[in-house]
All heavy atoms as atom14 arrays in JSON, in Angstrom:
{
  "sequence": "LVPIARTYDNQEKRGRLWEERLGLCHRPEEPERSVRWMSATLAERQ",
  "atom14_mask": [
    [1, 1, 1, 1, 1, 1, 1, 1, 0, 0, 0, 0, 0, 0],
    [1, 1, 1, 1, 1, 1, 1, 0, 0, 0, 0, 0, 0, 0],
    [1, 1, 1, 1, 1, 1, 1, 0, 0, 0, 0, 0, 0, 0],
    [1, 1, 1, 1, 1, 1, 1, 1, 0, 0, 0, 0, 0, 0],
    [1, 1, 1, 1, 1, 0, 0, 0, 0, 0, 0, 0, 0, 0],
    [1, 1, 1, 1, 1, 1, 1, 1, 1, 1, 1, 0, 0, 0],
    [1, 1, 1, 1, 1, 1, 1, 0, 0, 0, 0, 0, 0, 0],
    [1, 1, 1, 1, 1, 1, 1, 1, 1, 1, 1, 1, 0, 0],
    [1, 1, 1, 1, 1, 1, 1, 1, 0, 0, 0, 0, 0, 0],
    [1, 1, 1, 1, 1, 1, 1, 1, 0, 0, 0, 0, 0, 0],
    [1, 1, 1, 1, 1, 1, 1, 1, 1, 0, 0, 0, 0, 0],
    [1, 1, 1, 1, 1, 1, 1, 1, 1, 0, 0, 0, 0, 0],
    [1, 1, 1, 1, 1, 1, 1, 1, 1, 0, 0, 0, 0, 0],
    [1, 1, 1, 1, 1, 1, 1, 1, 1, 1, 1, 0, 0, 0],
    [1, 1, 1, 1, 0, 0, 0, 0, 0, 0, 0, 0, 0, 0],
    [1, 1, 1, 1, 1, 1, 1, 1, 1, 1, 1, 0, 0, 0],
    [1, 1, 1, 1, 1, 1, 1, 1, 0, 0, 0, 0, 0, 0],
    [1, 1, 1, 1, 1, 1, 1, 1, 1, 1, 1, 1, 1, 1],
    [1, 1, 1, 1, 1, 1, 1, 1, 1, 0, 0, 0, 0, 0],
    [1, 1, 1, 1, 1, 1, 1, 1, 1, 0, 0, 0, 0, 0],
    [1, 1, 1, 1, 1, 1, 1, 1, 1, 1, 1, 0, 0, 0],
    [1, 1, 1, 1, 1, 1, 1, 1, 0, 0, 0, 0, 0, 0],
    [1, 1, 1, 1, 0, 0, 0, 0, 0, 0, 0, 0, 0, 0],
    [1, 1, 1, 1, 1, 1, 1, 1, 0, 0, 0, 0, 0, 0],
    [1, 1, 1, 1, 1, 1, 0, 0, 0, 0, 0, 0, 0, 0],
    [1, 1, 1, 1, 1, 1, 1, 1, 1, 1, 0, 0, 0, 0],
    [1, 1, 1, 1, 1, 1, 1, 1, 1, 1, 1, 0, 0, 0],
    [1, 1, 1, 1, 1, 1, 1, 0, 0, 0, 0, 0, 0, 0],
    [1, 1, 1, 1, 1, 1, 1, 1, 1, 0, 0, 0, 0, 0],
    [1, 1, 1, 1, 1, 1, 1, 1, 1, 0, 0, 0, 0, 0],
    [1, 1, 1, 1, 1, 1, 1, 0, 0, 0, 0, 0, 0, 0],
    [1, 1, 1, 1, 1, 1, 1, 1, 1, 0, 0, 0, 0, 0],
    [1, 1, 1, 1, 1, 1, 1, 1, 1, 1, 1, 0, 0, 0],
    [1, 1, 1, 1, 1, 1, 0, 0, 0, 0, 0, 0, 0, 0],
    [1, 1, 1, 1, 1, 1, 1, 0, 0, 0, 0, 0, 0, 0],
    [1, 1, 1, 1, 1, 1, 1, 1, 1, 1, 1, 0, 0, 0],
    [1, 1, 1, 1, 1, 1, 1, 1, 1, 1, 1, 1, 1, 1],
    [1, 1, 1, 1, 1, 1, 1, 1, 0, 0, 0, 0, 0, 0],
    [1, 1, 1, 1, 1, 1, 0, 0, 0, 0, 0, 0, 0, 0],
    [1, 1, 1, 1, 1, 0, 0, 0, 0, 0, 0, 0, 0, 0],
    [1, 1, 1, 1, 1, 1, 1, 0, 0, 0, 0, 0, 0, 0],
    [1, 1, 1, 1, 1, 1, 1, 1, 0, 0, 0, 0, 0, 0],
    [1, 1, 1, 1, 1, 0, 0, 0, 0, 0, 0, 0, 0, 0],
    [1, 1, 1, 1, 1, 1, 1, 1, 1, 0, 0, 0, 0, 0],
    [1, 1, 1, 1, 1, 1, 1, 1, 1, 1, 1, 0, 0, 0],
    [1, 1, 1, 1, 1, 1, 1, 1, 1, 0, 0, 0, 0, 0]
  ],
  "atom14_positions": [
    [[39.7, 96.43, 68.3], [41.09, 96.67, 68.34], [41.33, 98.12, 67.92], [40.91, 98.57, 66.91], [41.93, 95.78, 67.43], [41.77, 94.25, 67.78], [42.27, 93.41, 66.63], [42.55, 93.9, 69.04], [0.0, 0.0, 0.0], [0.0, 0.0, 0.0], [0.0, 0.0, 0.0], [0.0, 0.0, 0.0], [0.0, 0.0, 0.0], [0.0, 0.0, 0.0]],
    [[42.01, 98.96, 68.76], [42.26, 100.37, 68.47], [43.8, 100.57, 68.44], [44.41, 100.74, 69.48], [41.61, 101.27, 69.56], [41.88, 102.75, 69.19], [40.16, 100.97, 69.72], [0.0, 0.0, 0.0], [0.0, 0.0, 0.0], [0.0, 0.0, 0.0], [0.0, 0.0, 0.0], [0.0, 0.0, 0.0], [0.0, 0.0, 0.0], [0.0, 0.0, 0.0]],
    [[44.34, 100.48, 67.21], [45.78, 100.63, 67.14], [46.26, 102.03, 67.43], [45.59, 103.0, 67.18], [46.1, 100.25, 65.72], [44.8, 100.18, 64.96], [43.7, 100.2, 65.98], [0.0, 0.0, 0.0], [0.0, 0.0, 0.0], [0.0, 0.0, 0.0], [0.0, 0.0, 0.0], [0.0, 0.0, 0.0], [0.0, 0.0, 0.0], [0.0, 0.0, 0.0]],
    [[47.44, 102.09, 67.97], [48.09, 103.4, 68.31], [49.31, 103.56, 67.33], [50.09, 102.59, 67.26], [48.53, 103.43, 69.76], [47.38, 103.28, 70.73], [49.32, 104.69, 70.07], [47.75, 103.05, 72.16], [0.0, 0.0, 0.0], [0.0, 0.0, 0.0], [0.0, 0.0, 0.0], [0.0, 0.0, 0.0], [0.0, 0.0, 0.0], [0.0, 0.0, 0.0]],
    [[49.4, 104.65, 66.74], [50.55, 104.87, 65.85], [51.8, 104.93, 66.63], [51.94, 105.75, 67.6], [50.32, 106.24, 65.07], [0.0, 0.0, 0.0], [0.0, 0.0, 0.0], [0.0, 0.0, 0.0], [0.0, 0.0, 0.0], [0.0, 0.0, 0.0], [0.0, 0.0, 0.0], [0.0, 0.0, 0.0], [0.0, 0.0, 0.0], [0.0, 0.0, 0.0]],
    [[52.76, 104.17, 66.22], [54.11, 104.09, 66.91], [55.2, 103.96, 65.87], [54.95, 103.48, 64.78], [54.12, 102.93, 67.89], [53.2, 103.02, 68.98], [53.56, 102.12, 70.09], [52.71, 102.41, 71.21], [52.48, 101.58, 72.21], [53.11, 100.39, 72.18], [51.71, 101.84, 73.24], [0.0, 0.0, 0.0], [0.0, 0.0, 0.0], [0.0, 0.0, 0.0]],
    [[56.33, 104.41, 66.22], [57.49, 104.42, 65.26], [57.97, 102.99, 65.05], [58.19, 102.64, 63.87], [58.64, 105.26, 65.84], [58.14, 106.59, 66.12], [59.8, 105.3, 64.87], [0.0, 0.0, 0.0], [0.0, 0.0, 0.0], [0.0, 0.0, 0.0], [0.0, 0.0, 0.0], [0.0, 0.0, 0.0], [0.0, 0.0, 0.0], [0.0, 0.0, 0.0]],
    [[58.1, 102.14, 66.04], [58.72, 100.85, 65.85], [57.74, 99.69, 65.91], [58.15, 98.52, 65.92], [59.81, 100.66, 66.95], [60.83, 101.7, 66.9], [60.95, 102.71, 67.85], [61.76, 101.67, 65.82], [61.94, 103.71, 67.79], [62.74, 102.73, 65.77], [62.83, 103.68, 66.73], [63.8, 104.62, 66.71], [0.0, 0.0, 0.0], [0.0, 0.0, 0.0]],
    [[56.49, 99.93, 65.99], [55.48, 98.85, 66.2], [54.28, 99.16, 65.31], [53.55, 100.18, 65.58], [55.09, 98.78, 67.67], [54.1, 97.69, 67.95], [54.03, 96.71, 67.18], [53.42, 97.79, 68.95], [0.0, 0.0, 0.0], [0.0, 0.0, 0.0], [0.0, 0.0, 0.0], [0.0, 0.0, 0.0], [0.0, 0.0, 0.0], [0.0, 0.0, 0.0]],
    [[54.01, 98.33, 64.31], [52.93, 98.61, 63.4], [51.66, 97.94, 63.95], [51.26, 96.89, 63.52], [53.21, 98.06, 62.01], [52.24, 98.61, 60.97], [51.17, 98.99, 61.31], [52.66, 98.53, 59.71], [0.0, 0.0, 0.0], [0.0, 0.0, 0.0], [0.0, 0.0, 0.0], [0.0, 0.0, 0.0], [0.0, 0.0, 0.0], [0.0, 0.0, 0.0]],
    [[51.0, 98.65, 64.92], [49.83, 98.12, 65.51], [48.67, 98.03, 64.58], [47.8, 97.16, 64.63], [49.44, 98.93, 66.77], [50.35, 98.78, 67.92], [49.79, 99.41, 69.2], [48.71, 100.0, 69.17], [50.59, 99.34, 70.22], [0.0, 0.0, 0.0], [0.0, 0.0, 0.0], [0.0, 0.0, 0.0], [0.0, 0.0, 0.0], [0.0, 0.0, 0.0]],
    [[48.61, 98.96, 63.61], [47.56, 98.91, 62.65], [47.57, 97.69, 61.8], [46.58, 97.06, 61.59], [47.48, 100.19, 61.7], [46.37, 100.18, 60.75], [46.34, 101.45, 59.93], [47.07, 102.35, 60.22], [45.57, 101.41, 58.93], [0.0, 0.0, 0.0], [0.0, 0.0, 0.0], [0.0, 0.0, 0.0], [0.0, 0.0, 0.0], [0.0, 0.0, 0.0]],
    [[48.79, 97.3, 61.33], [48.92, 96.1, 60.49], [48.54, 94.83, 61.34], [47.79, 93.99, 60.84], [50.34, 95.96, 60.03], [50.61, 94.76, 59.17], [52.05, 94.69, 58.71], [52.29, 93.48, 57.92], [53.75, 93.37, 57.48], [0.0, 0.0, 0.0], [0.0, 0.0, 0.0], [0.0, 0.0, 0.0], [0.0, 0.0, 0.0], [0.0, 0.0, 0.0]],
    [[48.95, 94.78, 62.58], [48.62, 93.66, 63.46], [47.11, 93.62, 63.69], [46.5, 92.58, 63.73], [49.4, 93.72, 64.73], [49.16, 92.55, 65.61], [49.93, 92.53, 66.91], [51.33, 92.76, 66.7], [51.99, 93.84, 67.2], [51.3, 94.74, 67.97], [53.24, 93.98, 67.0], [0.0, 0.0, 0.0], [0.0, 0.0, 0.0], [0.0, 0.0, 0.0]],
    [[46.52, 94.84, 63.96], [45.1, 94.88, 64.23], [44.31, 94.33, 63.07], [43.28, 93.59, 63.21], [0.0, 0.0, 0.0], [0.0, 0.0, 0.0], [0.0, 0.0, 0.0], [0.0, 0.0, 0.0], [0.0, 0.0, 0.0], [0.0, 0.0, 0.0], [0.0, 0.0, 0.0], [0.0, 0.0, 0.0], [0.0, 0.0, 0.0], [0.0, 0.0, 0.0]],
    [[44.65, 94.66, 61.85], [43.97, 94.25, 60.67], [44.13, 92.71, 60.46], [43.25, 92.05, 59.94], [44.39, 95.05, 59.41], [43.83, 96.45, 59.53], [44.27, 97.27, 58.34], [43.85, 98.67, 58.52], [43.4, 99.44, 57.58], [43.31, 99.01, 56.37], [43.05, 100.68, 57.84], [0.0, 0.0, 0.0], [0.0, 0.0, 0.0], [0.0, 0.0, 0.0]],
    [[45.32, 92.22, 60.81], [45.53, 90.79, 60.71], [44.66, 90.01, 61.68], [44.23, 88.89, 61.33], [47.02, 90.44, 60.96], [48.02, 90.84, 59.92], [49.42, 90.65, 60.36], [47.73, 90.03, 58.61], [0.0, 0.0, 0.0], [0.0, 0.0, 0.0], [0.0, 0.0, 0.0], [0.0, 0.0, 0.0], [0.0, 0.0, 0.0], [0.0, 0.0, 0.0]],
    [[44.47, 90.56, 62.88], [43.7, 89.84, 63.97], [42.21, 90.09, 63.93], [41.45, 89.41, 64.56], [44.29, 90.18, 65.31], [45.44, 89.44, 65.64], [46.75, 89.85, 65.34], [45.63, 88.19, 66.3], [47.68, 88.82, 65.85], [46.96, 87.85, 66.36], [44.66, 87.32, 66.81], [47.4, 86.64, 66.98], [45.08, 86.1, 67.37], [46.44, 85.81, 67.44]],
    [[41.76, 91.15, 63.22], [40.34, 91.52, 63.35], [39.37, 90.44, 62.9], [38.3, 90.32, 63.53], [40.07, 92.84, 62.62], [39.84, 92.71, 61.11], [39.43, 94.07, 60.54], [38.85, 94.92, 61.24], [39.69, 94.26, 59.31], [0.0, 0.0, 0.0], [0.0, 0.0, 0.0], [0.0, 0.0, 0.0], [0.0, 0.0, 0.0], [0.0, 0.0, 0.0]],
    [[39.69, 89.62, 61.92], [38.71, 88.53, 61.54], [38.57, 87.51, 62.57], [37.44, 86.94, 62.73], [39.27, 87.84, 60.26], [39.02, 88.64, 58.99], [39.39, 87.92, 57.74], [39.25, 86.62, 57.77], [39.77, 88.52, 56.75], [0.0, 0.0, 0.0], [0.0, 0.0, 0.0], [0.0, 0.0, 0.0], [0.0, 0.0, 0.0], [0.0, 0.0, 0.0]],
    [[39.57, 87.32, 63.39], [39.53, 86.32, 64.44], [39.02, 86.86, 65.79], [38.43, 86.15, 66.56], [40.86, 85.69, 64.71], [41.29, 84.83, 63.46], [42.68, 84.32, 63.62], [43.55, 85.32, 63.04], [44.86, 85.23, 62.92], [45.5, 84.17, 63.43], [45.62, 86.17, 62.36], [0.0, 0.0, 0.0], [0.0, 0.0, 0.0], [0.0, 0.0, 0.0]],
    [[39.24, 88.16, 65.98], [38.87, 88.72, 67.33], [37.68, 89.69, 67.28], [37.04, 89.86, 68.32], [40.14, 89.48, 67.91], [41.31, 88.68, 68.11], [42.38, 89.48, 68.74], [41.04, 87.41, 68.98], [0.0, 0.0, 0.0], [0.0, 0.0, 0.0], [0.0, 0.0, 0.0], [0.0, 0.0, 0.0], [0.0, 0.0, 0.0], [0.0, 0.0, 0.0]],
    [[37.42, 90.33, 66.17], [36.38, 91.29, 66.17], [36.48, 92.3, 65.08], [36.19, 92.0, 63.9], [0.0, 0.0, 0.0], [0.0, 0.0, 0.0], [0.0, 0.0, 0.0], [0.0, 0.0, 0.0], [0.0, 0.0, 0.0], [0.0, 0.0, 0.0], [0.0, 0.0, 0.0], [0.0, 0.0, 0.0], [0.0, 0.0, 0.0], [0.0, 0.0, 0.0]],
    [[37.0, 93.53, 65.43], [37.14, 94.51, 64.44], [38.33, 95.42, 64.76], [38.57, 95.69, 65.95], [35.86, 95.44, 64.39], [35.78, 96.47, 63.25], [35.41, 95.82, 61.94], [34.8, 97.52, 63.62], [0.0, 0.0, 0.0], [0.0, 0.0, 0.0], [0.0, 0.0, 0.0], [0.0, 0.0, 0.0], [0.0, 0.0, 0.0], [0.0, 0.0, 0.0]],
    [[39.02, 95.85, 63.74], [40.11, 96.83, 63.94], [39.55, 98.25, 63.55], [39.12, 98.43, 62.46], [41.28, 96.5, 63.0], [42.69, 97.65, 63.23], [0.0, 0.0, 0.0], [0.0, 0.0, 0.0], [0.0, 0.0, 0.0], [0.0, 0.0, 0.0], [0.0, 0.0, 0.0], [0.0, 0.0, 0.0], [0.0, 0.0, 0.0], [0.0, 0.0, 0.0]],
    [[39.61, 99.13, 64.54], [39.09, 100.52, 64.31], [39.89, 101.25, 63.27], [41.15, 101.15, 63.31], [39.14, 101.25, 65.62], [38.72, 102.68, 65.52], [37.47, 103.11, 65.19], [39.48, 103.84, 65.61], [37.4, 104.36, 65.12], [38.62, 104.87, 65.38], [0.0, 0.0, 0.0], [0.0, 0.0, 0.0], [0.0, 0.0, 0.0], [0.0, 0.0, 0.0]],
    [[39.25, 101.96, 62.46], [39.96, 102.79, 61.45], [39.45, 104.19, 61.61], [38.31, 104.51, 61.45], [39.6, 102.28, 59.99], [40.11, 100.92, 59.75], [39.73, 100.33, 58.44], [40.28, 98.99, 58.36], [39.74, 98.03, 57.63], [38.7, 98.33, 56.86], [40.27, 96.82, 57.57], [0.0, 0.0, 0.0], [0.0, 0.0, 0.0], [0.0, 0.0, 0.0]],
    [[40.42, 105.08, 62.01], [40.02, 106.52, 62.31], [39.27, 107.14, 61.18], [38.41, 108.02, 61.47], [41.31, 107.18, 62.6], [42.27, 106.09, 63.0], [41.82, 104.86, 62.25], [0.0, 0.0, 0.0], [0.0, 0.0, 0.0], [0.0, 0.0, 0.0], [0.0, 0.0, 0.0], [0.0, 0.0, 0.0], [0.0, 0.0, 0.0], [0.0, 0.0, 0.0]],
    [[39.54, 106.78, 60.0], [38.84, 107.43, 58.84], [37.49, 106.89, 58.63], [36.67, 107.4, 57.8], [39.69, 107.29, 57.53], [39.82, 105.84, 56.97], [40.84, 104.99, 57.68], [41.5, 105.34, 58.65], [41.03, 103.82, 57.21], [0.0, 0.0, 0.0], [0.0, 0.0, 0.0], [0.0, 0.0, 0.0], [0.0, 0.0, 0.0], [0.0, 0.0, 0.0]],
    [[37.08, 105.82, 59.38], [35.72, 105.23, 59.24], [35.1, 105.01, 60.63], [34.77, 103.88, 60.99], [35.8, 103.9, 58.55], [36.36, 103.93, 57.14], [36.43, 102.51, 56.55], [35.32, 101.97, 56.27], [37.53, 102.04, 56.34], [0.0, 0.0, 0.0], [0.0, 0.0, 0.0], [0.0, 0.0, 0.0], [0.0, 0.0, 0.0], [0.0, 0.0, 0.0]],
    [[34.89, 106.04, 61.4], [34.4, 105.81, 62.78], [32.96, 105.19, 62.76], [32.69, 104.41, 63.7], [34.32, 107.25, 63.35], [34.35, 108.18, 62.18], [35.06, 107.44, 61.08], [0.0, 0.0, 0.0], [0.0, 0.0, 0.0], [0.0, 0.0, 0.0], [0.0, 0.0, 0.0], [0.0, 0.0, 0.0], [0.0, 0.0, 0.0], [0.0, 0.0, 0.0]],
    [[32.16, 105.48, 61.78], [30.8, 104.89, 61.71], [30.9, 103.36, 61.62], [30.0, 102.67, 62.11], [30.01, 105.48, 60.59], [30.43, 105.19, 59.18], [31.67, 106.06, 58.71], [32.01, 107.01, 59.39], [32.32, 105.57, 57.75], [0.0, 0.0, 0.0], [0.0, 0.0, 0.0], [0.0, 0.0, 0.0], [0.0, 0.0, 0.0], [0.0, 0.0, 0.0]],
    [[31.9, 102.81, 60.99], [32.09, 101.4, 60.91], [32.21, 100.73, 62.31], [31.6, 99.81, 62.53], [33.33, 101.1, 60.06], [33.67, 99.67, 59.91], [34.91, 99.62, 58.85], [35.37, 98.23, 58.81], [36.39, 97.74, 59.44], [37.09, 98.55, 60.22], [36.77, 96.47, 59.31], [0.0, 0.0, 0.0], [0.0, 0.0, 0.0], [0.0, 0.0, 0.0]],
    [[33.01, 101.36, 63.13], [33.22, 100.87, 64.48], [31.91, 100.99, 65.29], [31.65, 100.08, 66.07], [34.36, 101.67, 65.2], [35.57, 101.38, 64.53], [0.0, 0.0, 0.0], [0.0, 0.0, 0.0], [0.0, 0.0, 0.0], [0.0, 0.0, 0.0], [0.0, 0.0, 0.0], [0.0, 0.0, 0.0], [0.0, 0.0, 0.0], [0.0, 0.0, 0.0]],
    [[31.25, 102.13, 65.12], [30.01, 102.35, 65.87], [28.95, 101.27, 65.49], [28.3, 100.69, 66.35], [29.38, 103.75, 65.65], [28.04, 103.88, 66.24], [30.44, 104.83, 66.22], [0.0, 0.0, 0.0], [0.0, 0.0, 0.0], [0.0, 0.0, 0.0], [0.0, 0.0, 0.0], [0.0, 0.0, 0.0], [0.0, 0.0, 0.0], [0.0, 0.0, 0.0]],
    [[28.84, 101.0, 64.18], [27.92, 99.98, 63.74], [28.26, 98.57, 64.29], [27.41, 97.88, 64.76], [27.84, 99.88, 62.22], [27.07, 100.97, 61.52], [26.88, 100.71, 60.04], [28.03, 100.38, 59.32], [28.89, 101.23, 58.75], [28.57, 102.48, 58.76], [29.95, 100.81, 58.02], [0.0, 0.0, 0.0], [0.0, 0.0, 0.0], [0.0, 0.0, 0.0]],
    [[29.53, 98.29, 64.3], [29.98, 97.0, 64.81], [29.69, 96.85, 66.28], [29.22, 95.88, 66.75], [31.47, 96.82, 64.54], [31.99, 95.48, 65.06], [31.95, 94.31, 64.41], [32.63, 95.26, 66.33], [32.51, 93.33, 65.21], [32.93, 93.84, 66.39], [32.96, 96.05, 67.4], [33.53, 93.32, 67.48], [33.54, 95.48, 68.44], [33.86, 94.12, 68.54]],
    [[30.07, 97.89, 67.07], [29.77, 97.84, 68.51], [28.28, 97.76, 68.8], [27.9, 96.96, 69.65], [30.32, 99.13, 69.16], [31.86, 99.12, 69.26], [32.55, 100.52, 70.25], [31.94, 101.93, 69.32], [0.0, 0.0, 0.0], [0.0, 0.0, 0.0], [0.0, 0.0, 0.0], [0.0, 0.0, 0.0], [0.0, 0.0, 0.0], [0.0, 0.0, 0.0]],
    [[27.49, 98.51, 68.08], [26.05, 98.49, 68.28], [25.48, 97.06, 68.05], [24.71, 96.54, 68.79], [25.35, 99.43, 67.4], [25.68, 100.76, 67.78], [0.0, 0.0, 0.0], [0.0, 0.0, 0.0], [0.0, 0.0, 0.0], [0.0, 0.0, 0.0], [0.0, 0.0, 0.0], [0.0, 0.0, 0.0], [0.0, 0.0, 0.0], [0.0, 0.0, 0.0]],
    [[25.92, 96.47, 66.88], [25.4, 95.11, 66.6], [25.91, 94.1, 67.55], [25.16, 93.23, 67.99], [25.85, 94.76, 65.11], [0.0, 0.0, 0.0], [0.0, 0.0, 0.0], [0.0, 0.0, 0.0], [0.0, 0.0, 0.0], [0.0, 0.0, 0.0], [0.0, 0.0, 0.0], [0.0, 0.0, 0.0], [0.0, 0.0, 0.0], [0.0, 0.0, 0.0]],
    [[27.16, 94.21, 67.94], [27.74, 93.22, 68.89], [27.01, 93.31, 70.22], [26.7, 92.25, 70.8], [29.25, 93.51, 69.07], [29.88, 93.4, 67.83], [29.9, 92.55, 70.08], [0.0, 0.0, 0.0], [0.0, 0.0, 0.0], [0.0, 0.0, 0.0], [0.0, 0.0, 0.0], [0.0, 0.0, 0.0], [0.0, 0.0, 0.0], [0.0, 0.0, 0.0]],
    [[26.74, 94.5, 70.74], [26.05, 94.62, 72.01], [24.59, 94.2, 71.87], [24.06, 93.52, 72.79], [26.15, 96.09, 72.51], [27.52, 96.49, 72.93], [27.58, 98.01, 73.16], [27.99, 95.71, 74.21], [0.0, 0.0, 0.0], [0.0, 0.0, 0.0], [0.0, 0.0, 0.0], [0.0, 0.0, 0.0], [0.0, 0.0, 0.0], [0.0, 0.0, 0.0]],
    [[23.87, 94.62, 70.86], [22.51, 94.3, 70.63], [22.23, 92.79, 70.49], [21.31, 92.25, 71.04], [21.91, 95.02, 69.44], [0.0, 0.0, 0.0], [0.0, 0.0, 0.0], [0.0, 0.0, 0.0], [0.0, 0.0, 0.0], [0.0, 0.0, 0.0], [0.0, 0.0, 0.0], [0.0, 0.0, 0.0], [0.0, 0.0, 0.0], [0.0, 0.0, 0.0]],
    [[23.18, 92.08, 69.84], [23.05, 90.68, 69.6], [23.69, 89.83, 70.66], [23.68, 88.59, 70.57], [23.52, 90.34, 68.24], [22.75, 91.07, 67.12], [23.41, 90.99, 65.75], [24.36, 90.07, 65.61], [23.07, 91.77, 64.88], [0.0, 0.0, 0.0], [0.0, 0.0, 0.0], [0.0, 0.0, 0.0], [0.0, 0.0, 0.0], [0.0, 0.0, 0.0]],
    [[24.36, 90.52, 71.63], [25.11, 89.82, 72.67], [26.07, 88.78, 72.06], [26.11, 87.58, 72.52], [24.14, 89.17, 73.72], [23.37, 90.19, 74.41], [22.4, 89.5, 75.37], [21.82, 90.5, 76.25], [22.06, 90.56, 77.51], [22.8, 89.68, 78.1], [21.48, 91.54, 78.26], [0.0, 0.0, 0.0], [0.0, 0.0, 0.0], [0.0, 0.0, 0.0]],
    [[26.83, 89.17, 71.06], [27.64, 88.26, 70.32], [28.85, 87.76, 71.15], [29.38, 88.48, 71.97], [28.2, 88.95, 69.05], [27.15, 89.2, 68.03], [27.78, 89.91, 66.79], [28.94, 90.1, 66.72], [26.89, 90.34, 65.91], [0.0, 0.0, 0.0], [0.0, 0.0, 0.0], [0.0, 0.0, 0.0], [0.0, 0.0, 0.0], [0.0, 0.0, 0.0]]
  ]
}
């Protein structure tokens, strides 16, 4: 999940709420976290 900053819609909050059930919510300040998750997901065909 890659939230987009918007004035009237808190996509980041929603992404963090859904990430445990759907996958991962990207955090711009932690790009390596997303890369590790994508690599593991693809390698393990999760």
